[in-house]
Amino acid sequence: MNTLIAPDNNWALLSILFLSSFLAIYLEQKYKWASKLTGAIITLVIAVLLTNFNIIPTSTPVFDDIVWGYAVPLAIPLLLLDANVIKIWRETGKLLLIFLIGAAGTFAGALVGTALLSGLIEGLPGVAAMMTGSYIGGGVNFTAIADAFNVSGSLISATTVADNLNMAIYLMILLGIASSAFFKRHYTHPHIDEVEKAGADKEDKTLAASYWERHDISLKDIAACLAYAAIVVTVSKLIAGFFAGIIPTGNGFLKMLNTFFGSQYVWITNVSMVFASFFEDKAKQMHGAKEIGTWLIYLFYFVIGVPASIIMIVQNAPLLLLFCFILVLFNMVFCFGFGKLLRIDLEDIILASNANIGGPTTAAGMAISLGWTKLVGPCMLVGTFGYVIGTWLGIIIGSILGA
């Protein structure tokens, strides 16, 4: 499909990408309605509108290679500088519990969704396997399971389109829940209270503006942060490549191990956690990491919204969108239902569900955008754990359904 801006017009696309993130941040810090909506969702909505009005293409080197290839990996080490795993591990108990409950919900949703739509979607068992792995783990699990069951390329593409629009809708719902008076009445929410309290004495400012006040950041800080992030990613890619090369893929279990230990995101998280835990004093000296990392995450939110072409969904994958929605619905019902029974905080429930469906990066991005900084490390941890079990559970679903 022809668009106003061609896929190879990199500078125009970069301009739109950067301008959209700036506009979202500006609105979030300027207007209270935008602060409640959050800059993350504003960025995502801008991307969806630009795509569906044929202004920007759904796939370009700028989005696929630069943002996914560089911005996202660099953001993770910067956002984990405060994540001392020794301190936060004790705090992940309830978050891990609700994450596992959400995984069970995704698993159940795959079974129910397949039963409801059986015969309407060709190759549905393979889709169920891929989406179970993806909605418990992430993209690495999706890819591994697609390969394991030899899912056709056309079905993978249609599923990816449906998944992207479903993710955009899902993230909007989660962000809406975080600011919903109804959910605040029925769940405890200490982190939301903390953010609101921080801005209580600054009524002329939005919560976002109060949180993101100017800090002491020098040129040396910026250079140190970017050097650190690049080194972490480089080391992580080397480690991942080493394990991917030595772990055979002769059977499903070994292929799962190869996918997990060969994932750069797993090792980026691990290396970042080690540095933050054992070199805490050095980590605290690196001012500006949170600001740079959060800006990179805003770019990521824009790119999430880009592939959400409503026309493509209507033409090619409406039933796949419905199937993906069923998985998400079951995940949320399990998370919020059992979360209420177990008296788990609203923030933990939201981020656990996000870590399931979106993975550790979207969960961390949401935690940062909402000011729940103490939960960034824990949600990254449980989201990364999803990589461990995602492929395994996806293969089980595929085997049960005869993919």
Protein backbone atom coordinates (compact mmCIF):
# COMPACT_ATOMS: atom_id res chain seq x y z
CA MET A 1 0.00 0.00 0.00
CA ASN A 2 1.35 3.42 -0.99
CA THR A 3 1.84 5.88 1.84
CA LEU A 4 2.57 9.60 1.95
CA ILE A 5 6.03 8.88 3.31
CA ALA A 6 7.96 6.06 1.62
CA PRO A 7 9.47 3.25 3.71
CA ASP A 8 13.01 4.29 2.68
CA ASN A 9 12.56 7.97 3.61
CA ASN A 10 14.50 7.45 6.82
CA TRP A 11 14.93 11.08 7.84
CA ALA A 12 11.24 11.91 7.45
CA LEU A 13 10.30 8.81 9.46
CA LEU A 14 12.85 9.65 12.16
CA SER A 15 11.43 13.18 12.32
CA ILE A 16 7.90 11.84 12.81
CA LEU A 17 9.10 9.29 15.36
CA PHE A 18 10.99 11.85 17.44
CA LEU A 19 8.33 14.57 17.06
CA SER A 20 5.56 12.16 18.15
CA SER A 21 7.46 11.15 21.29
CA PHE A 22 8.16 14.81 22.08
CA LEU A 23 4.52 15.77 21.54
CA ALA A 24 3.34 12.96 23.83
CA ILE A 25 5.81 13.94 26.56
CA TYR A 26 4.90 17.62 26.21
CA LEU A 27 1.16 16.97 26.43
CA GLU A 28 1.62 14.58 29.36
CA GLN A 29 3.54 17.20 31.32
CA LYS A 30 1.39 20.16 30.25
CA TYR A 31 -2.22 18.99 30.56
CA LYS A 32 -3.85 16.94 33.31
CA TRP A 33 -6.08 15.02 30.88
CA ALA A 34 -2.99 13.93 28.97
CA SER A 35 -1.18 13.06 32.19
CA LYS A 36 -4.04 10.74 33.16
CA LEU A 37 -4.03 9.23 29.68
CA THR A 38 -0.19 8.96 29.88
CA GLY A 39 2.36 9.84 27.23
CA ALA A 40 2.78 6.17 26.39
CA ILE A 41 -0.77 5.76 25.15
CA ILE A 42 -0.68 9.13 23.36
CA THR A 43 2.43 7.99 21.48
CA LEU A 44 0.75 4.71 20.57
CA VAL A 45 -2.45 6.42 19.37
CA ILE A 46 -0.48 8.84 17.20
CA ALA A 47 1.24 5.89 15.52
CA VAL A 48 -2.06 4.06 14.92
CA LEU A 49 -3.62 7.17 13.34
CA LEU A 50 -0.62 7.87 11.12
CA THR A 51 -0.59 4.29 9.90
CA ASN A 52 -4.30 4.01 9.21
CA PHE A 53 -4.42 7.34 7.36
CA ASN A 54 -1.63 6.02 5.09
CA ILE A 55 0.84 8.68 6.18
CA ILE A 56 3.55 6.24 7.30
CA PRO A 57 4.15 2.60 6.29
CA THR A 58 3.65 -0.30 8.67
CA SER A 59 7.17 -1.64 8.20
CA THR A 60 10.36 0.34 7.62
CA PRO A 61 14.07 -0.04 8.43
CA VAL A 62 13.75 2.86 10.88
CA PHE A 63 11.11 1.06 12.94
CA ASP A 64 12.16 -2.55 12.45
CA ASP A 65 15.94 -2.17 12.51
CA ILE A 66 16.73 1.02 14.45
CA VAL A 67 14.06 1.02 17.16
CA TRP A 68 13.72 -2.75 17.60
CA GLY A 69 17.37 -3.40 16.87
CA TYR A 70 18.98 -0.60 18.90
CA ALA A 71 16.57 1.57 20.92
CA VAL A 72 14.85 -1.29 22.76
CA PRO A 73 18.04 -3.18 23.73
CA LEU A 74 19.74 0.04 24.87
CA ALA A 75 16.75 1.07 26.97
CA ILE A 76 16.75 -2.06 29.13
CA PRO A 77 20.16 -1.65 30.83
CA LEU A 78 19.43 2.03 31.48
CA LEU A 79 16.06 1.29 33.06
CA LEU A 80 17.53 -1.48 35.22
CA LEU A 81 20.29 0.58 36.82
CA ASP A 82 18.17 0.92 39.96
CA ALA A 83 17.20 -2.74 39.98
CA ASN A 84 19.28 -4.30 42.73
CA VAL A 85 18.10 -7.89 42.41
CA ILE A 86 19.25 -8.73 45.93
CA LYS A 87 16.85 -6.13 47.31
CA ILE A 88 13.92 -6.61 44.95
CA TRP A 89 13.81 -10.40 44.81
CA ARG A 90 11.94 -10.43 48.11
CA GLU A 91 9.39 -8.05 46.56
CA THR A 92 8.57 -10.19 43.52
CA GLY A 93 6.71 -12.90 45.43
CA LYS A 94 3.18 -11.64 44.77
CA LEU A 95 4.10 -10.34 41.32
CA LEU A 96 5.46 -13.75 40.33
CA LEU A 97 2.41 -15.47 41.78
CA ILE A 98 -0.07 -13.37 39.80
CA PHE A 99 2.14 -13.71 36.71
CA LEU A 100 1.88 -17.50 36.91
CA ILE A 101 -1.87 -17.23 37.44
CA GLY A 102 -2.06 -15.03 34.34
CA ALA A 103 -0.05 -17.62 32.40
CA ALA A 104 -2.61 -20.23 33.42
CA GLY A 105 -5.33 -17.88 32.14
CA THR A 106 -3.56 -17.54 28.78
CA PHE A 107 -3.25 -21.33 28.57
CA ALA A 108 -6.97 -21.76 29.32
CA GLY A 109 -7.85 -19.02 26.84
CA ALA A 110 -5.97 -20.84 24.08
CA LEU A 111 -7.96 -24.01 24.72
CA VAL A 112 -11.31 -22.18 24.85
CA GLY A 113 -10.51 -19.96 21.87
CA THR A 114 -9.56 -22.96 19.75
CA ALA A 115 -12.73 -24.80 20.76
CA LEU A 116 -14.90 -21.79 19.86
CA LEU A 117 -13.23 -20.98 16.53
CA SER A 118 -12.27 -24.49 15.45
CA GLY A 119 -12.94 -24.96 11.73
CA LEU A 120 -13.16 -21.22 11.08
CA ILE A 121 -9.41 -20.55 10.97
CA GLU A 122 -7.14 -22.83 9.00
CA GLY A 123 -4.07 -23.82 11.01
CA LEU A 124 -5.59 -22.58 14.29
CA PRO A 125 -3.75 -25.11 16.52
CA GLY A 126 -0.44 -23.68 15.29
CA VAL A 127 -1.69 -20.15 15.97
CA ALA A 128 -2.80 -21.23 19.45
CA ALA A 129 0.67 -22.62 20.15
CA MET A 130 2.42 -19.46 18.89
CA MET A 131 0.18 -17.05 20.78
CA THR A 132 0.31 -19.08 24.00
CA GLY A 133 4.09 -18.89 23.90
CA SER A 134 4.05 -15.20 22.95
CA TYR A 135 1.39 -14.20 25.54
CA ILE A 136 3.29 -15.95 28.33
CA GLY A 137 6.79 -15.17 27.12
CA GLY A 138 7.45 -12.96 24.13
CA GLY A 139 8.62 -12.71 20.54
CA VAL A 140 11.43 -15.23 21.04
CA ASN A 141 8.84 -17.83 22.05
CA PHE A 142 6.53 -16.93 19.13
CA THR A 143 9.37 -17.43 16.65
CA ALA A 144 10.56 -20.66 18.24
CA ILE A 145 7.09 -22.22 18.26
CA ALA A 146 6.30 -21.10 14.71
CA ASP A 147 9.42 -22.93 13.62
CA ALA A 148 8.72 -25.95 15.81
CA PHE A 149 5.30 -26.54 14.22
CA ASN A 150 6.23 -25.34 10.69
CA VAL A 151 3.47 -22.70 10.64
CA SER A 152 3.02 -21.17 7.17
CA GLY A 153 4.49 -17.74 6.48
CA SER A 154 1.14 -16.25 5.44
CA LEU A 155 -0.49 -17.42 8.66
CA ILE A 156 2.41 -16.04 10.71
CA SER A 157 2.04 -12.64 8.97
CA ALA A 158 -1.74 -12.49 9.49
CA THR A 159 -1.34 -13.50 13.14
CA THR A 160 1.34 -10.85 13.65
CA VAL A 161 -0.97 -8.15 12.26
CA ALA A 162 -3.82 -9.28 14.53
CA ASP A 163 -1.48 -9.47 17.51
CA ASN A 164 -0.20 -5.91 16.98
CA LEU A 165 -3.67 -4.37 16.90
CA ASN A 166 -4.75 -6.51 19.82
CA MET A 167 -1.69 -5.36 21.78
CA ALA A 168 -2.47 -1.71 21.05
CA ILE A 169 -6.05 -2.14 22.33
CA TYR A 170 -4.89 -4.17 25.33
CA LEU A 171 -2.30 -1.60 26.44
CA MET A 172 -4.89 1.16 26.20
CA ILE A 173 -7.23 -0.88 28.41
CA LEU A 174 -4.50 -1.51 31.00
CA LEU A 175 -3.52 2.15 31.12
CA GLY A 176 -7.20 3.04 31.50
CA ILE A 177 -7.54 0.60 34.40
CA ALA A 178 -4.55 2.22 36.13
CA SER A 179 -6.42 5.53 36.26
CA SER A 180 -9.92 4.09 36.77
CA ALA A 181 -11.77 5.16 39.90
CA PHE A 182 -13.67 1.85 39.88
CA PHE A 183 -10.54 -0.28 40.10
CA LYS A 184 -8.99 2.05 42.68
CA ARG A 185 -12.02 1.51 44.90
CA HIS A 186 -11.75 -2.27 44.73
CA TYR A 187 -7.98 -2.81 44.81
CA THR A 188 -5.14 -1.46 46.93
CA HIS A 189 -2.77 0.79 44.97
CA PRO A 190 0.21 2.03 47.04
CA HIS A 191 2.37 2.97 44.06
CA ILE A 192 -0.38 5.06 42.48
CA ASP A 193 -0.83 6.79 45.84
CA GLU A 194 2.90 7.45 46.05
CA VAL A 195 3.00 9.07 42.62
CA GLU A 196 -0.07 11.19 43.41
CA LYS A 197 1.41 12.21 46.76
CA ALA A 198 4.64 13.29 45.08
CA GLY A 199 2.65 15.75 42.99
CA ALA A 200 0.15 16.78 45.65
CA ASP A 201 2.07 19.89 46.65
CA LYS A 202 2.45 21.00 43.05
CA GLU A 203 -1.12 21.46 41.94
CA ASP A 204 -0.09 23.71 39.07
CA LYS A 205 1.80 20.81 37.51
CA THR A 206 0.69 17.46 36.21
CA LEU A 207 1.95 14.31 37.94
CA ALA A 208 4.21 13.62 35.00
CA ALA A 209 5.74 17.10 35.14
CA SER A 210 6.34 16.74 38.87
CA TYR A 211 7.97 13.35 38.47
CA TRP A 212 10.16 14.40 35.54
CA GLU A 213 11.54 17.59 37.04
CA ARG A 214 14.99 18.68 35.94
CA HIS A 215 17.80 16.69 37.48
CA ASP A 216 21.54 17.13 37.76
CA ILE A 217 22.75 15.58 34.50
CA SER A 218 26.12 16.34 32.93
CA LEU A 219 27.71 15.55 29.58
CA LYS A 220 29.83 12.92 31.34
CA ASP A 221 26.65 11.26 32.69
CA ILE A 222 25.12 10.98 29.22
CA ALA A 223 28.34 9.56 27.80
CA ALA A 224 28.67 7.07 30.68
CA CYS A 225 25.05 5.91 30.38
CA LEU A 226 25.21 5.29 26.65
CA ALA A 227 28.62 3.62 26.87
CA TYR A 228 27.37 1.35 29.65
CA ALA A 229 24.19 0.42 27.76
CA ALA A 230 26.09 -0.33 24.54
CA ILE A 231 28.65 -2.49 26.38
CA VAL A 232 25.92 -4.45 28.17
CA VAL A 233 24.13 -5.14 24.88
CA THR A 234 27.39 -6.12 23.15
CA VAL A 235 28.40 -8.53 25.92
CA SER A 236 24.87 -9.96 26.06
CA LYS A 237 24.79 -10.58 22.31
CA LEU A 238 28.14 -12.39 22.52
CA ILE A 239 26.93 -14.59 25.38
CA ALA A 240 23.64 -15.30 23.60
CA GLY A 241 25.48 -16.14 20.37
CA PHE A 242 27.80 -18.50 22.25
CA PHE A 243 24.94 -20.46 23.81
CA ALA A 244 22.95 -20.48 20.57
CA GLY A 245 25.97 -22.01 18.90
CA ILE A 246 26.69 -24.77 21.41
CA ILE A 247 23.18 -25.88 22.44
CA PRO A 248 21.83 -28.34 19.86
CA THR A 249 18.26 -28.21 18.58
CA GLY A 250 17.72 -31.92 18.11
CA ASN A 251 14.41 -32.03 19.99
CA GLY A 252 11.76 -29.73 21.41
CA PHE A 253 13.36 -29.40 24.83
CA LEU A 254 16.81 -28.59 23.45
CA LYS A 255 15.27 -26.14 20.99
CA MET A 256 13.55 -24.40 23.90
CA LEU A 257 16.86 -24.17 25.77
CA ASN A 258 18.59 -22.86 22.66
CA THR A 259 15.91 -20.20 22.19
CA PHE A 260 16.04 -19.10 25.81
CA PHE A 261 19.80 -19.04 26.37
CA GLY A 262 20.33 -17.72 22.85
CA SER A 263 18.12 -14.68 23.46
CA GLN A 264 19.96 -11.38 23.79
CA TYR A 265 17.12 -9.98 25.92
CA VAL A 266 17.57 -12.67 28.54
CA TRP A 267 21.26 -11.84 28.87
CA ILE A 268 20.75 -8.07 28.69
CA THR A 269 18.49 -8.45 31.71
CA ASN A 270 20.90 -10.80 33.49
CA VAL A 271 24.01 -8.65 32.92
CA SER A 272 22.14 -5.47 33.88
CA MET A 273 20.86 -7.10 37.07
CA VAL A 274 24.36 -8.25 38.04
CA PHE A 275 25.78 -4.74 37.58
CA ALA A 276 22.91 -3.06 39.45
CA SER A 277 23.13 -5.56 42.30
CA PHE A 278 26.88 -5.78 42.85
CA PHE A 279 27.93 -2.29 41.76
CA GLU A 280 25.07 -0.31 43.25
CA ASP A 281 27.21 2.70 44.15
CA LYS A 282 28.48 3.02 40.57
CA ALA A 283 24.95 2.62 39.22
CA LYS A 284 23.68 5.47 41.41
CA GLN A 285 26.35 7.79 40.00
CA MET A 286 25.06 7.42 36.43
CA HIS A 287 22.56 10.28 36.33
CA GLY A 288 20.24 10.57 33.35
CA ALA A 289 19.82 6.85 32.73
CA LYS A 290 16.14 6.93 33.61
CA GLU A 291 15.47 9.90 31.32
CA ILE A 292 17.32 8.43 28.32
CA GLY A 293 15.88 4.96 28.86
CA THR A 294 12.33 6.27 29.17
CA TRP A 295 12.63 8.31 25.96
CA LEU A 296 13.79 5.17 24.15
CA ILE A 297 10.77 3.32 25.55
CA TYR A 298 8.50 6.04 24.13
CA LEU A 299 9.96 5.30 20.71
CA PHE A 300 9.15 1.66 21.36
CA TYR A 301 5.51 2.49 22.15
CA PHE A 302 5.26 4.34 18.85
CA VAL A 303 6.57 1.34 16.94
CA ILE A 304 4.09 -0.96 18.72
CA GLY A 305 1.25 1.11 17.28
CA VAL A 306 2.68 1.31 13.75
CA PRO A 307 1.73 -2.19 12.50
CA ALA A 308 -1.82 -1.92 13.85
CA SER A 309 -3.47 -1.51 10.45
CA ILE A 310 -7.21 -1.71 10.99
CA ILE A 311 -7.83 -2.23 7.25
CA MET A 312 -5.47 -5.22 7.11
CA ILE A 313 -7.20 -6.70 10.13
CA VAL A 314 -10.64 -6.30 8.55
CA GLN A 315 -9.46 -7.80 5.28
CA ASN A 316 -7.16 -10.57 6.46
CA ALA A 317 -7.43 -11.44 10.11
CA PRO A 318 -10.67 -10.52 11.94
CA LEU A 319 -11.06 -14.01 13.41
CA LEU A 320 -7.38 -14.07 14.39
CA LEU A 321 -7.91 -10.77 16.18
CA LEU A 322 -10.87 -12.32 18.02
CA PHE A 323 -8.76 -15.33 18.95
CA CYS A 324 -5.96 -13.13 20.32
CA PHE A 325 -8.53 -11.12 22.25
CA ILE A 326 -9.91 -14.30 23.87
CA LEU A 327 -6.43 -15.17 25.17
CA VAL A 328 -6.00 -11.66 26.57
CA LEU A 329 -9.48 -11.69 28.10
CA PHE A 330 -8.81 -14.95 29.96
CA ASN A 331 -5.45 -13.67 31.13
CA MET A 332 -7.01 -10.50 32.55
CA VAL A 333 -9.93 -12.37 34.16
CA PHE A 334 -7.49 -14.72 35.91
CA CYS A 335 -5.15 -11.89 36.95
CA PHE A 336 -7.77 -9.46 38.24
CA GLY A 337 -10.08 -12.16 39.64
CA PHE A 338 -7.46 -14.04 41.62
CA GLY A 339 -5.64 -10.80 42.36
CA LYS A 340 -8.74 -9.54 44.15
CA LEU A 341 -9.15 -12.78 46.09
CA LEU A 342 -5.49 -12.79 47.12
CA ARG A 343 -5.54 -9.06 47.95
CA ILE A 344 -2.73 -8.23 45.54
CA ASP A 345 -2.03 -4.59 44.69
CA LEU A 346 -3.55 -3.21 41.51
CA GLU A 347 -0.13 -2.20 40.17
CA ASP A 348 1.23 -5.73 40.58
CA ILE A 349 -1.78 -7.18 38.76
CA ILE A 350 -1.51 -4.74 35.85
CA LEU A 351 2.22 -5.28 35.38
CA ALA A 352 2.00 -9.06 35.80
CA SER A 353 -0.64 -9.21 33.08
CA ASN A 354 1.45 -6.89 30.91
CA ALA A 355 4.56 -9.01 31.48
CA ASN A 356 2.53 -12.02 30.28
CA ILE A 357 0.94 -10.51 27.19
CA GLY A 358 3.50 -7.88 26.19
CA GLY A 359 6.67 -9.23 27.76
CA PRO A 360 9.20 -7.64 30.10
CA THR A 361 9.94 -4.61 27.90
CA THR A 362 6.33 -3.40 27.63
CA ALA A 363 5.80 -4.07 31.35
CA ALA A 364 8.89 -2.07 32.25
CA GLY A 365 7.86 0.71 29.87
CA MET A 366 4.44 0.93 31.46
CA ALA A 367 5.91 0.95 34.98
CA ILE A 368 8.23 3.79 34.02
CA SER A 369 5.58 5.82 32.20
CA LEU A 370 3.24 5.58 35.21
CA GLY A 371 5.96 6.38 37.74
CA TRP A 372 5.99 2.95 39.42
CA THR A 373 9.78 2.85 39.37
CA LYS A 374 10.11 0.38 42.24
CA LEU A 375 8.34 -2.25 40.14
CA VAL A 376 10.52 -1.95 37.02
CA GLY A 377 13.04 -4.54 38.17
CA PRO A 378 10.50 -7.05 39.49
CA CYS A 379 8.31 -6.93 36.36
CA MET A 380 11.41 -7.35 34.19
CA LEU A 381 12.32 -10.39 36.26
CA VAL A 382 8.94 -12.10 36.01
CA GLY A 383 8.62 -11.13 32.34
CA THR A 384 11.98 -12.71 31.62
CA PHE A 385 10.83 -15.82 33.49
CA GLY A 386 8.03 -15.96 30.92
CA TYR A 387 10.70 -16.66 28.29
CA VAL A 388 11.58 -19.78 30.26
CA ILE A 389 8.10 -21.28 30.34
CA GLY A 390 6.53 -19.69 27.23
CA THR A 391 7.97 -22.04 24.63
CA TRP A 392 7.36 -25.04 26.83
CA LEU A 393 3.69 -24.21 27.40
CA GLY A 394 3.20 -23.22 23.77
CA ILE A 395 4.56 -26.56 22.59
CA ILE A 396 2.27 -28.35 25.08
CA ILE A 397 -0.77 -26.49 23.70
CA GLY A 398 0.26 -27.26 20.13
CA SER A 399 0.76 -30.92 20.98
CA ILE A 400 -2.60 -31.17 22.72
CA LEU A 401 -4.41 -29.53 19.80
CA GLY A 402 -2.52 -31.49 17.13
CA ALA A 403 -0.66 -28.62 15.49
